[in-house]
Amino acid sequence: MEFVAWSVHKYVMHGFLWNLHEDHHTKNPNSFFEKNDYFFVIFAVPGMTCILLGTVFGVPYTLPIGLGITIYGFAYFWVHEVFIHQRFKLFRNSKLKYFKAIRRAHKVHHKHLGKEDGECFGMLIVPFKYFRQEF
């Protein structure tokens, strides 16, 4: 799922759906919600559809695909929204180098306010150089 998420982030969110993702890079301090939050719905629909197709209709391979999308969505929520962006004030600090590397890589991603010239499009797998910076 990480490769799919990286590809969607780079080529869809920073591509033809930039109008939904842009406010995530140019945060409005007066609003809790972002247009970027629509991606929760956009990704939940195929996840739920695949789970339904796999469980109710027995369509091969759709249940694991739906579960993968859904589990990654939960990981995205906890890691990206709660830990990295602190939209909910939980888990403020971590001494684990893995989480520090994730946060550092994401800050590098957000230093680019436009849709071009971005880097670090992944979430759970980040370039090794960010781990080295934590040692």
Foldseek 3Di string as FASTA:
>chain_A
DQVVQLCCQQDPCLHPVVVQNLCVLVPDPVDLDGSVVCVLVVLLVQLVVLCCCCPVVVDPPSNVVSVVSVVVSVVCCCLPVCAQVNSDVPCPDDLDLQSQLLNVLVVQQSVDSHSPPGDQSGRNDGDCVSSVVSD
